[in-house]
PDB file of N, CA and C in Angstrom:
ATOM      1  N   MET A   1      26.505   3.544   8.537  1.00  0.00           N
ATOM      2  CA  MET A   1      25.614   2.651   9.244  1.00  0.00           C
ATOM      3  C   MET A   1      24.368   2.416   8.391  1.00  0.00           C
ATOM      4  N   GLU A   2      23.958   1.171   8.280  1.00  0.00           N
ATOM      5  CA  GLU A   2      22.812   0.780   7.485  1.00  0.00           C
ATOM      6  C   GLU A   2      21.513   1.006   8.253  1.00  0.00           C
ATOM      7  N   THR A   3      20.426   1.164   7.495  1.00  0.00           N
ATOM      8  CA  THR A   3      19.096   1.221   8.075  1.00  0.00           C
ATOM      9  C   THR A   3      18.787  -0.150   8.669  1.00  0.00           C
ATOM     10  N   PRO A   4      18.301  -0.200   9.888  1.00  0.00           N
ATOM     11  CA  PRO A   4      17.950  -1.507  10.445  1.00  0.00           C
ATOM     12  C   PRO A   4      16.793  -2.117   9.668  1.00  0.00           C
ATOM     13  N   ILE A   5      16.823  -3.408   9.473  1.00  0.00           N
ATOM     14  CA  ILE A   5      15.748  -4.083   8.757  1.00  0.00           C
ATOM     15  C   ILE A   5      14.576  -4.229   9.714  1.00  0.00           C
ATOM     16  N   ARG A   6      13.435  -3.699   9.313  1.00  0.00           N
ATOM     17  CA  ARG A   6      12.218  -3.791  10.132  1.00  0.00           C
ATOM     18  C   ARG A   6      11.451  -5.036   9.738  1.00  0.00           C
ATOM     19  N   HIS A   7      10.870  -5.710  10.720  1.00  0.00           N
ATOM     20  CA  HIS A   7      10.135  -6.947  10.478  1.00  0.00           C
ATOM     21  C   HIS A   7       8.692  -6.813  10.955  1.00  0.00           C
ATOM     22  N   ASN A   8       7.793  -7.557  10.299  1.00  0.00           N
ATOM     23  CA  ASN A   8       6.407  -7.577  10.748  1.00  0.00           C
ATOM     24  C   ASN A   8       6.233  -8.644  11.830  1.00  0.00           C
ATOM     25  N   SER A   9       5.006  -8.875  12.236  1.00  0.00           N
ATOM     26  CA  SER A   9       4.759  -9.823  13.327  1.00  0.00           C
ATOM     27  C   SER A   9       5.081 -11.269  12.953  1.00  0.00           C
ATOM     28  N   PHE A  10       5.238 -11.539  11.655  1.00  0.00           N
ATOM     29  CA  PHE A  10       5.598 -12.889  11.205  1.00  0.00           C
ATOM     30  C   PHE A  10       7.106 -13.051  11.051  1.00  0.00           C
ATOM     31  N   GLY A  11       7.857 -12.005  11.351  1.00  0.00           N
ATOM     32  CA  GLY A  11       9.303 -12.072  11.240  1.00  0.00           C
ATOM     33  C   GLY A  11       9.821 -11.780   9.845  1.00  0.00           C
ATOM     34  N   LEU A  12       8.923 -11.360   8.951  1.00  0.00           N
ATOM     35  CA  LEU A  12       9.323 -11.035   7.583  1.00  0.00           C
ATOM     36  C   LEU A  12       9.700  -9.556   7.494  1.00  0.00           C
ATOM     37  N   PRO A  13      10.682  -9.222   6.661  1.00  0.00           N
ATOM     38  CA  PRO A  13      11.088  -7.816   6.567  1.00  0.00           C
ATOM     39  C   PRO A  13      10.001  -6.962   5.926  1.00  0.00           C
ATOM     40  N   VAL A  14       9.822  -5.764   6.476  1.00  0.00           N
ATOM     41  CA  VAL A  14       8.865  -4.791   5.955  1.00  0.00           C
ATOM     42  C   VAL A  14       9.627  -3.682   5.242  1.00  0.00           C
ATOM     43  N   ILE A  15      10.739  -3.264   5.826  1.00  0.00           N
ATOM     44  CA  ILE A  15      11.588  -2.218   5.261  1.00  0.00           C
ATOM     45  C   ILE A  15      13.019  -2.732   5.258  1.00  0.00           C
ATOM     46  N   VAL A  16      13.691  -2.539   4.122  1.00  0.00           N
ATOM     47  CA  VAL A  16      15.079  -2.984   3.997  1.00  0.00           C
ATOM     48  C   VAL A  16      15.959  -1.785   3.661  1.00  0.00           C
ATOM     49  N   PRO A  17      17.243  -1.865   3.976  1.00  0.00           N
ATOM     50  CA  PRO A  17      18.162  -0.776   3.654  1.00  0.00           C
ATOM     51  C   PRO A  17      18.416  -0.695   2.149  1.00  0.00           C
ATOM     52  N   THR A  18      18.981   0.410   1.728  1.00  0.00           N
ATOM     53  CA  THR A  18      19.247   0.659   0.315  1.00  0.00           C
ATOM     54  C   THR A  18      20.082  -0.448  -0.314  1.00  0.00           C
ATOM     55  N   SER A  19      21.092  -0.917   0.376  1.00  0.00           N
ATOM     56  CA  SER A  19      21.950  -1.959  -0.199  1.00  0.00           C
ATOM     57  C   SER A  19      21.161  -3.229  -0.506  1.00  0.00           C
ATOM     58  N   GLU A  20      20.267  -3.604   0.389  1.00  0.00           N
ATOM     59  CA  GLU A  20      19.454  -4.803   0.175  1.00  0.00           C
ATOM     60  C   GLU A  20      18.423  -4.570  -0.927  1.00  0.00           C
ATOM     61  N   ALA A  21      17.794  -3.404  -0.943  1.00  0.00           N
ATOM     62  CA  ALA A  21      16.822  -3.079  -1.998  1.00  0.00           C
ATOM     63  C   ALA A  21      17.496  -3.098  -3.365  1.00  0.00           C
ATOM     64  N   ALA A  22      18.704  -2.552  -3.442  1.00  0.00           N
ATOM     65  CA  ALA A  22      19.446  -2.543  -4.703  1.00  0.00           C
ATOM     66  C   ALA A  22      19.744  -3.968  -5.160  1.00  0.00           C
ATOM     67  N   ARG A  23      20.121  -4.817  -4.231  1.00  0.00           N
ATOM     68  CA  ARG A  23      20.398  -6.212  -4.574  1.00  0.00           C
ATOM     69  C   ARG A  23      19.138  -6.899  -5.096  1.00  0.00           C
ATOM     70  N   ILE A  24      18.013  -6.667  -4.448  1.00  0.00           N
ATOM     71  CA  ILE A  24      16.742  -7.266  -4.861  1.00  0.00           C
ATOM     72  C   ILE A  24      16.366  -6.815  -6.270  1.00  0.00           C
ATOM     73  N   LEU A  25      16.586  -5.524  -6.565  1.00  0.00           N
ATOM     74  CA  LEU A  25      16.202  -4.961  -7.862  1.00  0.00           C
ATOM     75  C   LEU A  25      17.282  -5.106  -8.933  1.00  0.00           C
ATOM     76  N   ASN A  26      18.432  -5.636  -8.543  1.00  0.00           N
ATOM     77  CA  ASN A  26      19.560  -5.757  -9.463  1.00  0.00           C
ATOM     78  C   ASN A  26      19.963  -4.382 -10.023  1.00  0.00           C
ATOM     79  N   ARG A  27      20.038  -3.419  -9.136  1.00  0.00           N
ATOM     80  CA  ARG A  27      20.454  -2.062  -9.462  1.00  0.00           C
ATOM     81  C   ARG A  27      21.567  -1.661  -8.511  1.00  0.00           C
ATOM     82  N   HIS A  28      22.302  -0.655  -8.880  1.00  0.00           N
ATOM     83  CA  HIS A  28      23.348  -0.136  -7.997  1.00  0.00           C
ATOM     84  C   HIS A  28      22.677   0.698  -6.909  1.00  0.00           C
ATOM     85  N   SER A  29      23.222   0.658  -5.721  1.00  0.00           N
ATOM     86  CA  SER A  29      22.636   1.421  -4.613  1.00  0.00           C
ATOM     87  C   SER A  29      22.603   2.916  -4.912  1.00  0.00           C
ATOM     88  N   ASP A  30      23.561   3.411  -5.702  1.00  0.00           N
ATOM     89  CA  ASP A  30      23.541   4.827  -6.077  1.00  0.00           C
ATOM     90  C   ASP A  30      22.311   5.173  -6.907  1.00  0.00           C
ATOM     91  N   THR A  31      21.816   4.216  -7.681  1.00  0.00           N
ATOM     92  CA  THR A  31      20.598   4.450  -8.470  1.00  0.00           C
ATOM     93  C   THR A  31      19.423   4.706  -7.543  1.00  0.00           C
ATOM     94  N   LEU A  32      19.295   3.902  -6.507  1.00  0.00           N
ATOM     95  CA  LEU A  32      18.191   4.093  -5.569  1.00  0.00           C
ATOM     96  C   LEU A  32      18.350   5.395  -4.796  1.00  0.00           C
ATOM     97  N   ARG A  33      19.568   5.736  -4.435  1.00  0.00           N
ATOM     98  CA  ARG A  33      19.792   7.010  -3.742  1.00  0.00           C
ATOM     99  C   ARG A  33      19.424   8.191  -4.654  1.00  0.00           C
ATOM    100  N   ARG A  34      19.728   8.047  -5.941  1.00  0.00           N
ATOM    101  CA  ARG A  34      19.371   9.091  -6.918  1.00  0.00           C
ATOM    102  C   ARG A  34      17.854   9.215  -7.017  1.00  0.00           C
ATOM    103  N   TRP A  35      17.159   8.068  -7.084  1.00  0.00           N
ATOM    104  CA  TRP A  35      15.696   8.095  -7.105  1.00  0.00           C
ATOM    105  C   TRP A  35      15.165   8.874  -5.901  1.00  0.00           C
ATOM    106  N   ALA A  36      15.771   8.634  -4.759  1.00  0.00           N
ATOM    107  CA  ALA A  36      15.313   9.280  -3.528  1.00  0.00           C
ATOM    108  C   ALA A  36      15.590  10.783  -3.547  1.00  0.00           C
ATOM    109  N   SER A  37      16.802  11.166  -3.919  1.00  0.00           N
ATOM    110  CA  SER A  37      17.161  12.583  -3.851  1.00  0.00           C
ATOM    111  C   SER A  37      16.459  13.413  -4.923  1.00  0.00           C
ATOM    112  N   ARG A  38      16.252  12.826  -6.100  1.00  0.00           N
ATOM    113  CA  ARG A  38      15.605  13.564  -7.190  1.00  0.00           C
ATOM    114  C   ARG A  38      14.096  13.332  -7.253  1.00  0.00           C
ATOM    115  N   ARG A  39      13.638  12.386  -6.468  1.00  0.00           N
ATOM    116  CA  ARG A  39      12.214  12.010  -6.458  1.00  0.00           C
ATOM    117  C   ARG A  39      11.729  11.654  -7.858  1.00  0.00           C
ATOM    118  N   THR A  40      12.555  10.885  -8.564  1.00  0.00           N
ATOM    119  CA  THR A  40      12.242  10.516  -9.941  1.00  0.00           C
ATOM    120  C   THR A  40      12.027   9.024 -10.121  1.00  0.00           C
ATOM    121  N   GLY A  41      12.214   8.268  -9.094  1.00  0.00           N
ATOM    122  CA  GLY A  41      12.138   6.819  -9.222  1.00  0.00           C
ATOM    123  C   GLY A  41      10.717   6.297  -9.238  1.00  0.00           C
ATOM    124  N   PRO A  42      10.551   5.061  -9.627  1.00  0.00           N
ATOM    125  CA  PRO A  42       9.224   4.455  -9.650  1.00  0.00           C
ATOM    126  C   PRO A  42       8.677   4.153  -8.250  1.00  0.00           C
ATOM    127  N   ILE A  43       9.549   4.093  -7.258  1.00  0.00           N
ATOM    128  CA  ILE A  43       9.134   3.911  -5.866  1.00  0.00           C
ATOM    129  C   ILE A  43       9.891   4.907  -5.003  1.00  0.00           C
ATOM    130  N   SER A  44       9.354   5.173  -3.835  1.00  0.00           N
ATOM    131  CA  SER A  44       9.965   6.145  -2.925  1.00  0.00           C
ATOM    132  C   SER A  44      10.363   5.479  -1.618  1.00  0.00           C
ATOM    133  N   PRO A  45      11.458   5.918  -1.050  1.00  0.00           N
ATOM    134  CA  PRO A  45      11.884   5.349   0.236  1.00  0.00           C
ATOM    135  C   PRO A  45      11.178   6.018   1.406  1.00  0.00           C
ATOM    136  N   VAL A  46      11.365   5.448   2.564  1.00  0.00           N
ATOM    137  CA  VAL A  46      10.939   6.056   3.816  1.00  0.00           C
ATOM    138  C   VAL A  46      12.202   6.354   4.605  1.00  0.00           C
ATOM    139  N   ARG A  47      12.115   7.232   5.548  1.00  0.00           N
ATOM    140  CA  ARG A  47      13.254   7.544   6.415  1.00  0.00           C
ATOM    141  C   ARG A  47      13.103   6.781   7.719  1.00  0.00           C
ATOM    142  N   VAL A  48      14.160   6.085   8.091  1.00  0.00           N
ATOM    143  CA  VAL A  48      14.208   5.360   9.356  1.00  0.00           C
ATOM    144  C   VAL A  48      15.458   5.836  10.074  1.00  0.00           C
ATOM    145  N   ASN A  49      15.264   6.546  11.173  1.00  0.00           N
ATOM    146  CA  ASN A  49      16.386   7.116  11.920  1.00  0.00           C
ATOM    147  C   ASN A  49      17.310   7.929  11.016  1.00  0.00           C
ATOM    148  N   GLY A  50      16.716   8.679  10.093  1.00  0.00           N
ATOM    149  CA  GLY A  50      17.495   9.529   9.193  1.00  0.00           C
ATOM    150  C   GLY A  50      18.105   8.811   8.007  1.00  0.00           C
ATOM    151  N   ARG A  51      17.896   7.515   7.901  1.00  0.00           N
ATOM    152  CA  ARG A  51      18.448   6.707   6.805  1.00  0.00           C
ATOM    153  C   ARG A  51      17.327   6.310   5.846  1.00  0.00           C
ATOM    154  N   LEU A  52      17.711   6.006   4.617  1.00  0.00           N
ATOM    155  CA  LEU A  52      16.723   5.555   3.640  1.00  0.00           C
ATOM    156  C   LEU A  52      16.372   4.097   3.884  1.00  0.00           C
ATOM    157  N   GLY A  53      15.096   3.806   3.814  1.00  0.00           N
ATOM    158  CA  GLY A  53      14.611   2.433   3.876  1.00  0.00           C
ATOM    159  C   GLY A  53      13.608   2.239   2.753  1.00  0.00           C
ATOM    160  N   TRP A  54      13.495   1.029   2.287  1.00  0.00           N
ATOM    161  CA  TRP A  54      12.623   0.736   1.154  1.00  0.00           C
ATOM    162  C   TRP A  54      11.612  -0.315   1.554  1.00  0.00           C
ATOM    163  N   ARG A  55      10.330  -0.042   1.287  1.00  0.00           N
ATOM    164  CA  ARG A  55       9.274  -0.988   1.640  1.00  0.00           C
ATOM    165  C   ARG A  55       9.370  -2.227   0.752  1.00  0.00           C
ATOM    166  N   VAL A  56       9.362  -3.376   1.374  1.00  0.00           N
ATOM    167  CA  VAL A  56       9.414  -4.628   0.625  1.00  0.00           C
ATOM    168  C   VAL A  56       8.194  -4.741  -0.291  1.00  0.00           C
ATOM    169  N   SER A  57       7.053  -4.283   0.163  1.00  0.00           N
ATOM    170  CA  SER A  57       5.843  -4.337  -0.677  1.00  0.00           C
ATOM    171  C   SER A  57       6.011  -3.507  -1.949  1.00  0.00           C
ATOM    172  N   ASP A  58       6.705  -2.356  -1.865  1.00  0.00           N
ATOM    173  CA  ASP A  58       6.970  -1.533  -3.050  1.00  0.00           C
ATOM    174  C   ASP A  58       7.934  -2.245  -3.999  1.00  0.00           C
ATOM    175  N   LEU A  59       8.944  -2.893  -3.434  1.00  0.00           N
ATOM    176  CA  LEU A  59       9.897  -3.640  -4.255  1.00  0.00           C
ATOM    177  C   LEU A  59       9.194  -4.778  -4.981  1.00  0.00           C
ATOM    178  N   GLN A  60       8.322  -5.485  -4.281  1.00  0.00           N
ATOM    179  CA  GLN A  60       7.584  -6.594  -4.889  1.00  0.00           C
ATOM    180  C   GLN A  60       6.679  -6.094  -6.001  1.00  0.00           C
ATOM    181  N   ALA A  61       5.997  -4.970  -5.773  1.00  0.00           N
ATOM    182  CA  ALA A  61       5.105  -4.410  -6.797  1.00  0.00           C
ATOM    183  C   ALA A  61       5.897  -3.984  -8.027  1.00  0.00           C
ATOM    184  N   LEU A  62       7.061  -3.392  -7.822  1.00  0.00           N
ATOM    185  CA  LEU A  62       7.910  -2.976  -8.946  1.00  0.00           C
ATOM    186  C   LEU A  62       8.362  -4.195  -9.751  1.00  0.00           C
ATOM    187  N   LEU A  63       8.800  -5.234  -9.068  1.00  0.00           N
ATOM    188  CA  LEU A  63       9.252  -6.448  -9.759  1.00  0.00           C
ATOM    189  C   LEU A  63       8.101  -7.148 -10.490  1.00  0.00           C
ATOM    190  N   ALA A  64       6.886  -7.004  -9.981  1.00  0.00           N
ATOM    191  CA  ALA A  64       5.726  -7.637 -10.605  1.00  0.00           C
ATOM    192  C   ALA A  64       5.168  -6.801 -11.753  1.00  0.00           C
ATOM    193  N   GLY A  65       5.754  -5.623 -11.975  1.00  0.00           N
ATOM    194  CA  GLY A  65       5.277  -4.763 -13.050  1.00  0.00           C
ATOM    195  C   GLY A  65       4.043  -3.961 -12.697  1.00  0.00           C
ATOM    196  N   GLU A  66       3.744  -3.872 -11.411  1.00  0.00           N
ATOM    197  CA  GLU A  66       2.558  -3.136 -10.965  1.00  0.00           C
ATOM    198  C   GLU A  66       2.846  -1.658 -10.764  1.00  0.00           C
ATOM    199  N   VAL A  67       4.103  -1.271 -10.853  1.00  0.00           N
ATOM    200  CA  VAL A  67       4.526   0.117 -10.676  1.00  0.00           C
ATOM    201  C   VAL A  67       5.269   0.523 -11.943  1.00  0.00           C
ATOM    202  N   LYS A  68       4.988   1.729 -12.403  1.00  0.00           N
ATOM    203  CA  LYS A  68       5.667   2.202 -13.626  1.00  0.00           C
ATOM    204  C   LYS A  68       6.560   3.360 -13.345  1.00  0.00           C
TER     205      LYS A  68
END
């Protein structure tokens, strides 16, 4: 079961599941899971109902080169 996509008051996603985050970053979902389990990635997930979720703001910052 996937993490439900959380939306802000404007209807935009705030947290996306690992599969969607991987697609946005052009990475395999296992890479993001590895980042989470080893705590070695440039961004960290949040837990939503026991599942990994990724903040859209963190994904945007990573893509913009604001996160190393």
